Every structure is written in structure tokens, then in C-alpha cells.
N, C-alpha and C. Protein backbone atom coordinates (compact mmCIF):
# COMPACT_ATOMS: atom_id res chain seq x y z
N MET A 1 9.56 0.54 21.51
CA MET A 1 9.97 1.73 20.80
C MET A 1 9.21 1.81 19.47
N GLU A 2 8.68 2.98 19.16
CA GLU A 2 7.89 3.18 17.95
C GLU A 2 8.80 3.22 16.72
N GLN A 3 8.36 2.57 15.66
CA GLN A 3 9.12 2.55 14.41
C GLN A 3 8.72 3.70 13.51
N ASN A 4 9.68 4.18 12.74
CA ASN A 4 9.38 5.09 11.64
C ASN A 4 9.28 4.26 10.37
N TRP A 5 8.36 4.64 9.51
CA TRP A 5 8.09 3.88 8.29
C TRP A 5 8.22 4.78 7.08
N ALA A 6 8.50 4.17 5.94
CA ALA A 6 8.54 4.89 4.67
C ALA A 6 7.81 4.07 3.62
N LEU A 7 7.01 4.73 2.82
CA LEU A 7 6.35 4.11 1.67
C LEU A 7 7.26 4.38 0.48
N ILE A 8 7.75 3.32 -0.16
CA ILE A 8 8.72 3.53 -1.24
C ILE A 8 8.28 2.85 -2.53
N ASN A 9 8.66 3.48 -3.62
CA ASN A 9 8.48 2.94 -4.96
C ASN A 9 9.88 2.57 -5.44
N LEU A 10 10.17 1.27 -5.50
CA LEU A 10 11.50 0.80 -5.88
C LEU A 10 11.84 1.17 -7.32
N ASP A 11 10.87 1.15 -8.21
CA ASP A 11 11.14 1.39 -9.62
C ASP A 11 11.36 2.86 -9.95
N LYS A 12 10.62 3.74 -9.31
CA LYS A 12 10.77 5.18 -9.56
C LYS A 12 11.73 5.85 -8.58
N ARG A 13 12.16 5.08 -7.57
CA ARG A 13 13.05 5.61 -6.52
C ARG A 13 12.45 6.87 -5.89
N GLN A 14 11.21 6.71 -5.45
CA GLN A 14 10.51 7.76 -4.74
C GLN A 14 10.13 7.23 -3.36
N ALA A 15 10.07 8.13 -2.39
CA ALA A 15 9.76 7.71 -1.02
C ALA A 15 8.91 8.76 -0.33
N LEU A 16 8.10 8.28 0.59
CA LEU A 16 7.31 9.17 1.44
C LEU A 16 7.40 8.65 2.86
N ARG A 17 7.76 9.53 3.77
CA ARG A 17 7.77 9.20 5.18
C ARG A 17 6.74 10.09 5.86
N GLY A 18 6.07 9.54 6.86
CA GLY A 18 5.08 10.36 7.55
C GLY A 18 4.10 9.54 8.33
N ARG A 19 3.05 10.20 8.78
CA ARG A 19 2.00 9.55 9.56
C ARG A 19 1.16 8.66 8.67
N LEU A 20 0.57 7.64 9.27
CA LEU A 20 -0.20 6.66 8.52
C LEU A 20 -1.32 7.30 7.71
N GLY A 21 -2.06 8.23 8.31
CA GLY A 21 -3.16 8.87 7.60
C GLY A 21 -2.70 9.55 6.33
N LYS A 22 -1.57 10.24 6.39
CA LYS A 22 -1.03 10.92 5.22
C LYS A 22 -0.55 9.90 4.18
N LEU A 23 0.07 8.82 4.64
CA LEU A 23 0.54 7.79 3.71
C LEU A 23 -0.64 7.17 2.96
N ARG A 24 -1.75 6.94 3.67
CA ARG A 24 -2.95 6.39 3.02
C ARG A 24 -3.42 7.32 1.92
N GLU A 25 -3.51 8.60 2.25
CA GLU A 25 -4.01 9.60 1.30
C GLU A 25 -3.11 9.69 0.07
N VAL A 26 -1.82 9.79 0.29
CA VAL A 26 -0.88 9.95 -0.83
C VAL A 26 -0.79 8.68 -1.66
N LEU A 27 -0.89 7.52 -1.02
CA LEU A 27 -0.82 6.27 -1.77
C LEU A 27 -1.90 6.22 -2.84
N LEU A 28 -3.13 6.54 -2.48
CA LEU A 28 -4.20 6.51 -3.49
C LEU A 28 -4.02 7.61 -4.52
N GLU A 29 -3.51 8.77 -4.11
CA GLU A 29 -3.24 9.84 -5.08
C GLU A 29 -2.19 9.40 -6.09
N ARG A 30 -1.16 8.69 -5.60
CA ARG A 30 -0.03 8.34 -6.45
C ARG A 30 -0.24 7.06 -7.23
N LEU A 31 -1.21 6.25 -6.86
CA LEU A 31 -1.26 4.91 -7.44
C LEU A 31 -1.44 4.94 -8.95
N GLY A 32 -2.09 5.96 -9.49
CA GLY A 32 -2.19 6.04 -10.94
C GLY A 32 -0.82 6.12 -11.59
N SER A 33 0.06 6.96 -11.08
CA SER A 33 1.39 7.09 -11.66
C SER A 33 2.33 5.99 -11.17
N TRP A 34 1.96 5.30 -10.09
CA TRP A 34 2.76 4.20 -9.57
C TRP A 34 2.23 2.84 -10.03
N ALA A 35 1.19 2.82 -10.82
CA ALA A 35 0.60 1.55 -11.26
C ALA A 35 1.66 0.68 -11.92
N GLY A 36 1.75 -0.55 -11.48
CA GLY A 36 2.70 -1.50 -12.06
C GLY A 36 4.10 -1.43 -11.47
N ASP A 37 4.36 -0.52 -10.54
CA ASP A 37 5.68 -0.41 -9.92
C ASP A 37 5.74 -1.24 -8.63
N ARG A 38 6.96 -1.65 -8.24
CA ARG A 38 7.15 -2.42 -7.01
C ARG A 38 7.08 -1.48 -5.81
N LEU A 39 6.19 -1.81 -4.86
CA LEU A 39 5.98 -0.97 -3.69
C LEU A 39 6.34 -1.71 -2.41
N MET A 40 6.90 -0.96 -1.45
CA MET A 40 7.21 -1.49 -0.12
C MET A 40 6.89 -0.42 0.91
N PHE A 41 6.48 -0.86 2.08
CA PHE A 41 6.22 0.00 3.23
C PHE A 41 7.20 -0.49 4.29
N ILE A 42 8.32 0.21 4.50
CA ILE A 42 9.45 -0.34 5.24
C ILE A 42 9.72 0.39 6.55
N SER A 43 10.32 -0.34 7.47
CA SER A 43 10.67 0.18 8.79
C SER A 43 12.13 0.61 8.82
N GLU A 44 12.41 1.62 9.62
CA GLU A 44 13.80 2.06 9.79
C GLU A 44 14.63 1.00 10.51
N TYR A 45 13.99 0.05 11.19
CA TYR A 45 14.73 -0.95 11.96
C TYR A 45 15.08 -2.21 11.17
N ASN A 46 14.83 -2.23 9.88
CA ASN A 46 15.18 -3.41 9.10
C ASN A 46 16.68 -3.66 9.17
N ARG A 47 17.05 -4.92 9.35
CA ARG A 47 18.47 -5.29 9.37
C ARG A 47 19.01 -5.27 7.95
N GLU A 48 20.22 -4.73 7.80
CA GLU A 48 20.88 -4.74 6.50
C GLU A 48 21.09 -6.18 6.06
N GLY A 49 20.92 -6.44 4.79
CA GLY A 49 21.14 -7.76 4.25
C GLY A 49 19.99 -8.72 4.43
N TYR A 50 18.89 -8.27 5.01
CA TYR A 50 17.73 -9.13 5.22
C TYR A 50 16.55 -8.52 4.48
N TYR A 51 16.26 -9.07 3.31
CA TYR A 51 15.21 -8.51 2.45
C TYR A 51 14.24 -9.60 2.05
N PRO A 52 13.03 -9.21 1.66
CA PRO A 52 12.08 -10.22 1.19
C PRO A 52 12.64 -10.95 -0.03
N GLU A 53 12.45 -12.23 -0.05
CA GLU A 53 13.00 -13.05 -1.13
C GLU A 53 12.36 -12.70 -2.47
N GLY A 54 13.20 -12.51 -3.48
CA GLY A 54 12.73 -12.29 -4.84
C GLY A 54 12.23 -10.90 -5.16
N VAL A 55 12.35 -9.95 -4.22
CA VAL A 55 11.84 -8.60 -4.46
C VAL A 55 12.89 -7.72 -5.11
N LEU A 56 14.13 -7.81 -4.63
CA LEU A 56 15.20 -6.93 -5.11
C LEU A 56 16.08 -7.64 -6.12
N THR A 57 16.63 -6.86 -7.05
CA THR A 57 17.63 -7.40 -7.97
C THR A 57 18.94 -7.55 -7.21
N ALA A 58 19.90 -8.27 -7.79
CA ALA A 58 21.22 -8.43 -7.17
C ALA A 58 21.89 -7.07 -6.99
N GLU A 59 21.73 -6.19 -7.97
CA GLU A 59 22.33 -4.85 -7.89
C GLU A 59 21.70 -4.04 -6.75
N GLU A 60 20.38 -4.13 -6.62
CA GLU A 60 19.70 -3.40 -5.54
C GLU A 60 20.13 -3.93 -4.18
N THR A 61 20.22 -5.24 -4.04
CA THR A 61 20.63 -5.83 -2.77
C THR A 61 22.01 -5.33 -2.38
N GLU A 62 22.93 -5.32 -3.32
CA GLU A 62 24.29 -4.83 -3.03
C GLU A 62 24.26 -3.36 -2.62
N GLU A 63 23.48 -2.55 -3.31
CA GLU A 63 23.37 -1.13 -3.00
C GLU A 63 22.80 -0.90 -1.60
N PHE A 64 21.76 -1.64 -1.24
CA PHE A 64 21.07 -1.41 0.03
C PHE A 64 21.80 -2.04 1.22
N ASP A 65 22.67 -3.03 0.96
CA ASP A 65 23.38 -3.70 2.05
C ASP A 65 24.25 -2.76 2.86
N GLU A 66 24.80 -1.74 2.21
CA GLU A 66 25.73 -0.86 2.90
C GLU A 66 25.07 -0.02 3.99
N GLU A 67 23.95 0.62 3.67
CA GLU A 67 23.29 1.52 4.62
C GLU A 67 21.94 1.00 5.12
N GLY A 68 21.36 0.12 4.39
CA GLY A 68 20.00 -0.32 4.69
C GLY A 68 19.01 0.41 3.79
N LEU A 69 17.98 -0.29 3.37
CA LEU A 69 17.03 0.24 2.40
C LEU A 69 16.33 1.50 2.89
N TYR A 70 15.93 1.53 4.15
CA TYR A 70 15.22 2.71 4.68
C TYR A 70 16.08 3.96 4.54
N TYR A 71 17.35 3.85 4.87
CA TYR A 71 18.23 5.02 4.86
C TYR A 71 18.66 5.40 3.44
N VAL A 72 18.79 4.44 2.55
CA VAL A 72 19.05 4.76 1.14
C VAL A 72 17.83 5.49 0.57
N ALA A 73 16.63 4.99 0.90
CA ALA A 73 15.40 5.60 0.38
C ALA A 73 15.21 7.03 0.88
N LYS A 74 15.80 7.38 2.02
CA LYS A 74 15.71 8.76 2.52
C LYS A 74 16.35 9.74 1.54
N LYS A 75 17.28 9.25 0.72
CA LYS A 75 17.97 10.12 -0.25
C LYS A 75 17.22 10.20 -1.58
N TRP A 76 16.23 9.36 -1.75
CA TRP A 76 15.48 9.35 -3.00
C TRP A 76 14.57 10.56 -3.09
N GLU A 77 14.01 10.74 -4.28
CA GLU A 77 13.06 11.83 -4.50
C GLU A 77 11.88 11.68 -3.55
N LYS A 78 11.51 12.78 -2.91
CA LYS A 78 10.31 12.76 -2.08
C LYS A 78 9.11 12.71 -3.01
N VAL A 79 8.06 12.05 -2.57
CA VAL A 79 6.87 11.91 -3.39
C VAL A 79 6.28 13.29 -3.65
N PRO A 80 6.19 13.68 -4.93
CA PRO A 80 5.59 14.98 -5.22
C PRO A 80 4.10 14.98 -4.93
N GLN A 81 3.60 16.11 -4.46
CA GLN A 81 2.17 16.25 -4.19
C GLN A 81 1.46 16.72 -5.45
N TRP A 82 0.19 16.37 -5.55
CA TRP A 82 -0.60 16.84 -6.68
C TRP A 82 -0.77 18.34 -6.61
N PRO A 83 -0.80 19.04 -7.74
CA PRO A 83 -1.07 20.48 -7.71
C PRO A 83 -2.46 20.74 -7.14
N SER A 84 -2.60 21.83 -6.40
CA SER A 84 -3.89 22.12 -5.76
C SER A 84 -4.98 22.45 -6.77
N SER A 85 -4.61 22.69 -8.04
CA SER A 85 -5.61 23.01 -9.05
C SER A 85 -6.42 21.78 -9.48
N LEU A 86 -5.94 20.57 -9.14
CA LEU A 86 -6.69 19.37 -9.49
C LEU A 86 -7.93 19.27 -8.61
N PRO A 87 -9.02 18.73 -9.14
CA PRO A 87 -10.22 18.56 -8.31
C PRO A 87 -10.02 17.53 -7.22
N ASP A 88 -10.85 17.59 -6.19
CA ASP A 88 -10.80 16.59 -5.12
C ASP A 88 -11.14 15.22 -5.68
N ASP A 89 -10.71 14.16 -4.97
CA ASP A 89 -11.05 12.79 -5.36
C ASP A 89 -12.55 12.63 -5.54
N ALA A 90 -13.32 13.34 -4.72
CA ALA A 90 -14.78 13.21 -4.78
C ALA A 90 -15.30 13.61 -6.16
N GLU A 91 -14.58 14.45 -6.88
CA GLU A 91 -15.00 14.88 -8.21
C GLU A 91 -14.41 14.00 -9.31
N VAL A 92 -13.39 13.22 -8.97
CA VAL A 92 -12.67 12.43 -9.96
C VAL A 92 -13.19 11.00 -10.05
N PHE A 93 -13.45 10.36 -8.90
CA PHE A 93 -13.81 8.95 -8.86
C PHE A 93 -15.33 8.76 -8.84
N ALA A 94 -15.80 7.78 -9.58
CA ALA A 94 -17.23 7.43 -9.57
C ALA A 94 -17.60 6.86 -8.21
N HIS A 95 -18.68 7.38 -7.63
CA HIS A 95 -19.10 6.94 -6.30
C HIS A 95 -20.05 5.75 -6.34
N ASP A 96 -20.65 5.52 -7.49
CA ASP A 96 -21.66 4.46 -7.57
C ASP A 96 -21.06 3.13 -8.02
N LYS A 97 -19.75 3.02 -8.00
CA LYS A 97 -19.07 1.80 -8.44
C LYS A 97 -18.33 1.15 -7.28
N VAL A 98 -18.16 -0.16 -7.37
CA VAL A 98 -17.26 -0.86 -6.46
C VAL A 98 -15.88 -0.78 -7.08
N TRP A 99 -14.91 -0.32 -6.30
CA TRP A 99 -13.53 -0.21 -6.76
C TRP A 99 -12.75 -1.42 -6.28
N VAL A 100 -11.70 -1.77 -6.98
CA VAL A 100 -10.85 -2.88 -6.56
C VAL A 100 -9.39 -2.46 -6.65
N VAL A 101 -8.59 -3.01 -5.74
CA VAL A 101 -7.14 -2.92 -5.88
C VAL A 101 -6.72 -4.27 -6.44
N ARG A 102 -5.95 -4.21 -7.53
CA ARG A 102 -5.48 -5.45 -8.15
C ARG A 102 -3.99 -5.62 -7.84
N ASN A 103 -3.64 -6.80 -7.38
CA ASN A 103 -2.24 -7.16 -7.24
C ASN A 103 -1.86 -7.78 -8.58
N LEU A 104 -1.15 -7.00 -9.40
CA LEU A 104 -0.80 -7.43 -10.75
C LEU A 104 0.21 -8.57 -10.73
N SER A 105 1.00 -8.66 -9.67
CA SER A 105 2.01 -9.72 -9.57
C SER A 105 1.38 -11.08 -9.29
N LYS A 106 0.31 -11.09 -8.50
CA LYS A 106 -0.31 -12.36 -8.09
C LYS A 106 -1.67 -12.62 -8.75
N ARG A 107 -2.16 -11.66 -9.52
CA ARG A 107 -3.44 -11.77 -10.23
C ARG A 107 -4.60 -12.03 -9.27
N VAL A 108 -4.60 -11.27 -8.17
CA VAL A 108 -5.70 -11.30 -7.21
C VAL A 108 -6.21 -9.88 -7.03
N TYR A 109 -7.43 -9.75 -6.51
CA TYR A 109 -7.97 -8.42 -6.27
C TYR A 109 -8.78 -8.39 -4.98
N VAL A 110 -8.97 -7.16 -4.46
CA VAL A 110 -9.74 -6.92 -3.25
C VAL A 110 -10.75 -5.82 -3.55
N ARG A 111 -12.01 -6.05 -3.19
CA ARG A 111 -13.10 -5.09 -3.44
C ARG A 111 -13.18 -4.03 -2.33
N SER A 112 -13.56 -2.83 -2.71
CA SER A 112 -13.71 -1.74 -1.73
C SER A 112 -14.88 -1.96 -0.79
N ASP A 113 -15.83 -2.80 -1.14
CA ASP A 113 -17.00 -3.03 -0.30
C ASP A 113 -16.82 -4.19 0.68
N ALA A 114 -15.60 -4.70 0.83
CA ALA A 114 -15.36 -5.88 1.65
C ALA A 114 -15.07 -5.58 3.11
N PHE A 115 -14.99 -4.31 3.50
CA PHE A 115 -14.51 -3.98 4.84
C PHE A 115 -15.56 -3.39 5.76
N GLY A 116 -16.80 -3.37 5.32
CA GLY A 116 -17.86 -2.88 6.17
C GLY A 116 -17.90 -1.37 6.31
N THR A 117 -17.15 -0.64 5.49
CA THR A 117 -17.21 0.81 5.53
C THR A 117 -18.51 1.25 4.87
N ALA A 118 -19.27 2.08 5.56
CA ALA A 118 -20.57 2.52 5.05
C ALA A 118 -20.41 3.24 3.72
N ALA A 119 -21.34 2.99 2.80
CA ALA A 119 -21.28 3.58 1.45
C ALA A 119 -21.19 5.09 1.48
N GLU A 120 -21.86 5.73 2.45
CA GLU A 120 -21.83 7.20 2.50
C GLU A 120 -20.45 7.75 2.88
N HIS A 121 -19.57 6.87 3.41
CA HIS A 121 -18.22 7.31 3.77
C HIS A 121 -17.21 7.03 2.65
N MET A 122 -17.65 6.41 1.57
CA MET A 122 -16.74 6.09 0.46
C MET A 122 -16.74 7.22 -0.56
N ARG A 123 -15.57 7.54 -1.07
CA ARG A 123 -15.38 8.49 -2.17
C ARG A 123 -14.52 7.78 -3.20
N GLY A 124 -15.17 7.03 -4.07
CA GLY A 124 -14.42 6.20 -5.00
C GLY A 124 -13.70 5.11 -4.20
N PRO A 125 -12.39 4.92 -4.42
CA PRO A 125 -11.66 3.88 -3.70
C PRO A 125 -11.25 4.27 -2.28
N GLU A 126 -11.41 5.53 -1.90
CA GLU A 126 -10.97 6.01 -0.59
C GLU A 126 -12.15 6.11 0.37
N ALA A 127 -11.85 5.91 1.65
CA ALA A 127 -12.86 6.04 2.70
C ALA A 127 -12.61 7.31 3.48
N MET A 128 -13.65 8.11 3.66
CA MET A 128 -13.53 9.30 4.49
C MET A 128 -13.50 8.92 5.97
N LYS A 129 -14.15 7.79 6.29
CA LYS A 129 -14.13 7.19 7.62
C LYS A 129 -14.00 5.69 7.42
N GLY A 130 -13.28 5.04 8.30
CA GLY A 130 -13.13 3.60 8.17
C GLY A 130 -11.95 3.24 7.29
N ARG A 131 -11.89 1.99 6.90
CA ARG A 131 -10.75 1.47 6.14
C ARG A 131 -11.03 1.48 4.64
N SER A 132 -9.94 1.55 3.87
CA SER A 132 -10.08 1.64 2.43
C SER A 132 -9.06 0.75 1.73
N LEU A 133 -9.02 0.86 0.41
CA LEU A 133 -8.07 0.07 -0.37
C LEU A 133 -6.63 0.45 -0.08
N ALA A 134 -6.37 1.68 0.33
CA ALA A 134 -5.01 2.06 0.71
C ALA A 134 -4.52 1.22 1.89
N ASP A 135 -5.42 0.94 2.83
CA ASP A 135 -5.07 0.11 3.98
C ASP A 135 -4.73 -1.32 3.55
N VAL A 136 -5.45 -1.81 2.55
CA VAL A 136 -5.18 -3.15 2.02
C VAL A 136 -3.76 -3.21 1.50
N ILE A 137 -3.38 -2.21 0.71
CA ILE A 137 -2.04 -2.20 0.13
C ILE A 137 -0.99 -2.06 1.22
N LEU A 138 -1.15 -1.09 2.13
CA LEU A 138 -0.15 -0.88 3.18
C LEU A 138 0.04 -2.11 4.05
N SER A 139 -1.05 -2.79 4.42
CA SER A 139 -0.90 -3.98 5.26
C SER A 139 -0.27 -5.13 4.49
N GLY A 140 -0.38 -5.12 3.17
CA GLY A 140 0.22 -6.18 2.36
C GLY A 140 1.67 -5.95 2.00
N ILE A 141 2.11 -4.68 1.97
CA ILE A 141 3.48 -4.37 1.50
C ILE A 141 4.41 -3.95 2.63
N HIS A 142 3.99 -4.05 3.90
CA HIS A 142 4.88 -3.63 4.99
C HIS A 142 5.96 -4.67 5.23
N TRP A 143 7.15 -4.16 5.58
CA TRP A 143 8.30 -5.03 5.79
C TRP A 143 9.11 -4.51 6.97
N SER A 144 9.22 -5.32 8.00
CA SER A 144 10.03 -4.96 9.17
C SER A 144 10.66 -6.21 9.74
N THR A 145 11.95 -6.14 10.02
CA THR A 145 12.61 -7.25 10.71
C THR A 145 12.54 -7.06 12.21
N HIS A 146 11.94 -5.96 12.65
CA HIS A 146 11.81 -5.66 14.08
C HIS A 146 10.67 -6.46 14.69
N GLY A 147 9.58 -6.62 13.93
CA GLY A 147 8.47 -7.49 14.34
C GLY A 147 7.69 -7.02 15.55
N ASP A 148 7.51 -5.69 15.71
CA ASP A 148 6.74 -5.23 16.87
C ASP A 148 5.26 -5.06 16.57
N ARG A 149 4.78 -5.57 15.46
CA ARG A 149 3.37 -5.45 15.12
C ARG A 149 2.63 -6.74 15.49
N GLY A 150 2.93 -7.28 16.65
CA GLY A 150 2.21 -8.46 17.12
C GLY A 150 2.38 -9.65 16.20
N GLY A 151 3.58 -9.81 15.63
CA GLY A 151 3.84 -10.93 14.74
C GLY A 151 3.61 -10.62 13.28
N PHE A 152 3.15 -9.42 12.97
CA PHE A 152 2.92 -9.06 11.57
C PHE A 152 4.10 -8.24 11.08
N GLY A 153 5.28 -8.86 11.01
CA GLY A 153 6.50 -8.16 10.62
C GLY A 153 6.61 -7.92 9.13
N TRP A 154 5.89 -8.66 8.32
CA TRP A 154 5.95 -8.44 6.89
C TRP A 154 4.67 -8.91 6.23
N GLY A 155 4.34 -8.22 5.15
CA GLY A 155 3.16 -8.57 4.38
C GLY A 155 3.51 -9.54 3.26
N LYS A 156 2.50 -10.20 2.74
CA LYS A 156 2.72 -11.19 1.68
C LYS A 156 2.82 -10.55 0.30
N TRP A 157 2.63 -9.23 0.23
CA TRP A 157 2.65 -8.55 -1.07
C TRP A 157 3.84 -7.60 -1.20
N VAL A 158 4.84 -7.73 -0.35
CA VAL A 158 6.00 -6.83 -0.39
C VAL A 158 6.64 -6.86 -1.77
N GLY A 159 6.81 -5.69 -2.37
CA GLY A 159 7.47 -5.59 -3.66
C GLY A 159 6.58 -5.94 -4.84
N ASP A 160 5.31 -6.21 -4.60
CA ASP A 160 4.40 -6.53 -5.70
C ASP A 160 3.96 -5.25 -6.41
N ARG A 161 3.28 -5.45 -7.54
CA ARG A 161 2.83 -4.35 -8.40
C ARG A 161 1.31 -4.27 -8.34
N PHE A 162 0.77 -3.03 -8.32
CA PHE A 162 -0.67 -2.82 -8.10
C PHE A 162 -1.25 -1.80 -9.06
N ASP A 163 -2.58 -1.85 -9.16
CA ASP A 163 -3.34 -0.73 -9.70
C ASP A 163 -4.72 -0.74 -9.03
N ILE A 164 -5.46 0.34 -9.22
CA ILE A 164 -6.83 0.44 -8.72
C ILE A 164 -7.72 0.74 -9.91
N CYS A 165 -8.83 0.01 -9.99
CA CYS A 165 -9.78 0.22 -11.09
C CYS A 165 -11.18 -0.11 -10.59
N VAL A 166 -12.18 0.14 -11.41
CA VAL A 166 -13.54 -0.24 -11.04
C VAL A 166 -13.68 -1.75 -11.20
N GLY A 167 -14.57 -2.32 -10.41
CA GLY A 167 -14.76 -3.77 -10.41
C GLY A 167 -15.17 -4.33 -11.75
N ASP A 168 -15.83 -3.52 -12.58
CA ASP A 168 -16.27 -4.00 -13.90
C ASP A 168 -15.09 -4.43 -14.76
N VAL A 169 -13.94 -3.80 -14.59
CA VAL A 169 -12.75 -4.15 -15.37
C VAL A 169 -12.32 -5.57 -15.05
N VAL A 170 -12.30 -5.92 -13.76
CA VAL A 170 -11.89 -7.26 -13.35
C VAL A 170 -12.88 -8.30 -13.87
N LYS A 171 -14.17 -7.99 -13.81
CA LYS A 171 -15.19 -8.93 -14.29
C LYS A 171 -15.04 -9.22 -15.77
N SER A 172 -14.51 -8.25 -16.52
CA SER A 172 -14.40 -8.42 -17.97
C SER A 172 -13.12 -9.16 -18.38
N GLU A 173 -12.23 -9.44 -17.43
CA GLU A 173 -10.98 -10.13 -17.74
C GLU A 173 -10.94 -11.49 -17.06
N GLU A 174 -10.30 -12.44 -17.68
CA GLU A 174 -10.18 -13.79 -17.12
C GLU A 174 -8.94 -13.89 -16.23
N GLY A 175 -8.96 -14.86 -15.31
CA GLY A 175 -7.77 -15.20 -14.54
C GLY A 175 -7.53 -14.41 -13.27
N TRP A 176 -8.53 -13.67 -12.79
CA TRP A 176 -8.39 -12.91 -11.54
C TRP A 176 -9.12 -13.64 -10.42
N GLU A 177 -8.52 -13.66 -9.22
CA GLU A 177 -9.13 -14.29 -8.05
C GLU A 177 -9.51 -13.22 -7.03
N ASP A 178 -10.73 -13.28 -6.52
CA ASP A 178 -11.21 -12.36 -5.50
C ASP A 178 -10.77 -12.88 -4.13
N VAL A 179 -9.88 -12.14 -3.46
CA VAL A 179 -9.39 -12.53 -2.13
C VAL A 179 -9.86 -11.55 -1.06
N SER A 180 -10.95 -10.85 -1.33
CA SER A 180 -11.43 -9.79 -0.45
C SER A 180 -11.68 -10.26 0.98
N GLN A 181 -12.38 -11.37 1.17
CA GLN A 181 -12.73 -11.81 2.52
C GLN A 181 -11.49 -12.22 3.32
N ALA A 182 -10.58 -12.95 2.70
CA ALA A 182 -9.35 -13.36 3.39
C ALA A 182 -8.51 -12.15 3.77
N ILE A 183 -8.39 -11.19 2.88
CA ILE A 183 -7.60 -10.00 3.15
C ILE A 183 -8.27 -9.14 4.21
N ALA A 184 -9.59 -9.08 4.21
CA ALA A 184 -10.30 -8.30 5.23
C ALA A 184 -9.99 -8.82 6.63
N LYS A 185 -9.89 -10.14 6.79
CA LYS A 185 -9.57 -10.72 8.10
C LYS A 185 -8.14 -10.38 8.52
N VAL A 186 -7.19 -10.52 7.60
CA VAL A 186 -5.79 -10.20 7.91
C VAL A 186 -5.65 -8.72 8.23
N ARG A 187 -6.29 -7.88 7.45
CA ARG A 187 -6.22 -6.44 7.67
C ARG A 187 -6.76 -6.06 9.04
N ALA A 188 -7.84 -6.70 9.45
CA ALA A 188 -8.42 -6.42 10.77
C ALA A 188 -7.44 -6.78 11.88
N MET A 189 -6.74 -7.91 11.76
CA MET A 189 -5.75 -8.30 12.76
C MET A 189 -4.58 -7.32 12.77
N TRP A 190 -4.14 -6.91 11.60
CA TRP A 190 -3.00 -5.99 11.47
C TRP A 190 -3.30 -4.68 12.19
N TYR A 191 -4.50 -4.16 11.99
CA TYR A 191 -4.85 -2.88 12.61
C TYR A 191 -5.15 -2.99 14.09
N ARG A 192 -5.59 -4.15 14.55
CA ARG A 192 -5.83 -4.31 15.99
C ARG A 192 -4.53 -4.25 16.78
N CYS A 193 -3.40 -4.56 16.13
CA CYS A 193 -2.12 -4.58 16.85
C CYS A 193 -1.79 -3.23 17.46
N ASP A 194 -1.79 -2.17 16.63
CA ASP A 194 -1.44 -0.87 17.22
C ASP A 194 -1.82 0.33 16.38
N VAL A 195 -2.63 0.17 15.37
CA VAL A 195 -3.02 1.31 14.55
C VAL A 195 -4.42 1.74 14.95
N PRO A 196 -4.60 2.97 15.44
CA PRO A 196 -5.92 3.40 15.88
C PRO A 196 -6.88 3.60 14.73
N ASP A 197 -8.17 3.40 14.99
CA ASP A 197 -9.19 3.67 13.99
C ASP A 197 -9.29 5.16 13.74
N ASP A 198 -9.75 5.52 12.54
CA ASP A 198 -9.96 6.92 12.19
C ASP A 198 -11.35 7.38 12.57
N ASP A 199 -12.24 6.44 12.91
CA ASP A 199 -13.65 6.78 13.17
C ASP A 199 -13.81 7.67 14.37
């Protein structure tokens, strides 16, 4: 049975439900305003009372135990869309830079050039074809107790905090670890389970 998923921001109490392609697009659009917030990509089949360790406060756990996090999040604010007057990402993001998603909770980062997506398909941190940094985040923050993703029932970054910036920012700061190659392998396995390529 196919699962329904929701991308949620625990701190802002915002949620988006929908198809994977749309979630990828909106995640990168929202990440500027969601930078530093706890993010989860959750399944409707999660068992009540079973949450990733250390992600929720005691108050949140009590609140979500009654109905389950997915169903509580359905009542939260829907993720607002950007006004159409804003320019496309292609006009906003520098194309000649390597972009990184930083996991602020774990002080690790992943480069946009680590997934073999051709440079001509990249528009800043997003890929017009192939995989992008949004896929890195989604595969890291997914949480399901149903476990129908070929053993990939939860990501190691559930509830962590993120931002996206150009790689030069990471190079100028101390204490960051590049985990691009390891994450690229995990991401490839995650998508082979049941998510079709966009190519």
C-alpha cells in the first residue's frame, strides 16, 4: 500500500503534503525562511508514541501521541507559496557556484556537484533534471514506522536544522565535515527502492 507523506516544519508548525516533485521544489523555495528550523518528512502510517529519539520536546510528544504527528500536522498552516512576482530560481541563484546543504545540527555538509547531475541541468542548488540538494534533505529527514522503503524507514537527519549556501561559505568557516560521497551512496539506494527518476 502506498504511503502519503508530509513535509513538516516543527518550529513554524507548517506542513506540505503532495507529490515528491512538488515537495522538492517547495523545500528549496522555503529553505531560506525555514533555515535553522527542525524538519521532518513523515508518513501517515507512523505509529502514535513512536518518534525519533531526541527530536520532539516532552510537550510535543504528549500533543502528538493522541492523534499522531501526521494527522496533527494536517491541521497546521499549509506552506505558503511564493508570490508569482518573484523571479525564477534561475534569476536568483548563482549558476557558476557549487552550492551546499548544511546540516546545522551535525555540522556536516553535502555539495551540489556530488550526484553526477550535469552542470547544464543545475540552476543554483536545484536540478532541472536529476537529483539535487532537496533530495539530500528529503532522504535524510524521512520518518516512517511502516518501513516499506526497502528498509529505509527513517533518515539519520530527522528533526535536524538546515540551510543552503554557496560552498565558499563553508570553506571560510572551521569545523564543517564534507559527507557528500557517503550521502550520495545512501541517496542512490533510497531512490532505487521506489522513487522514479525525473530524467
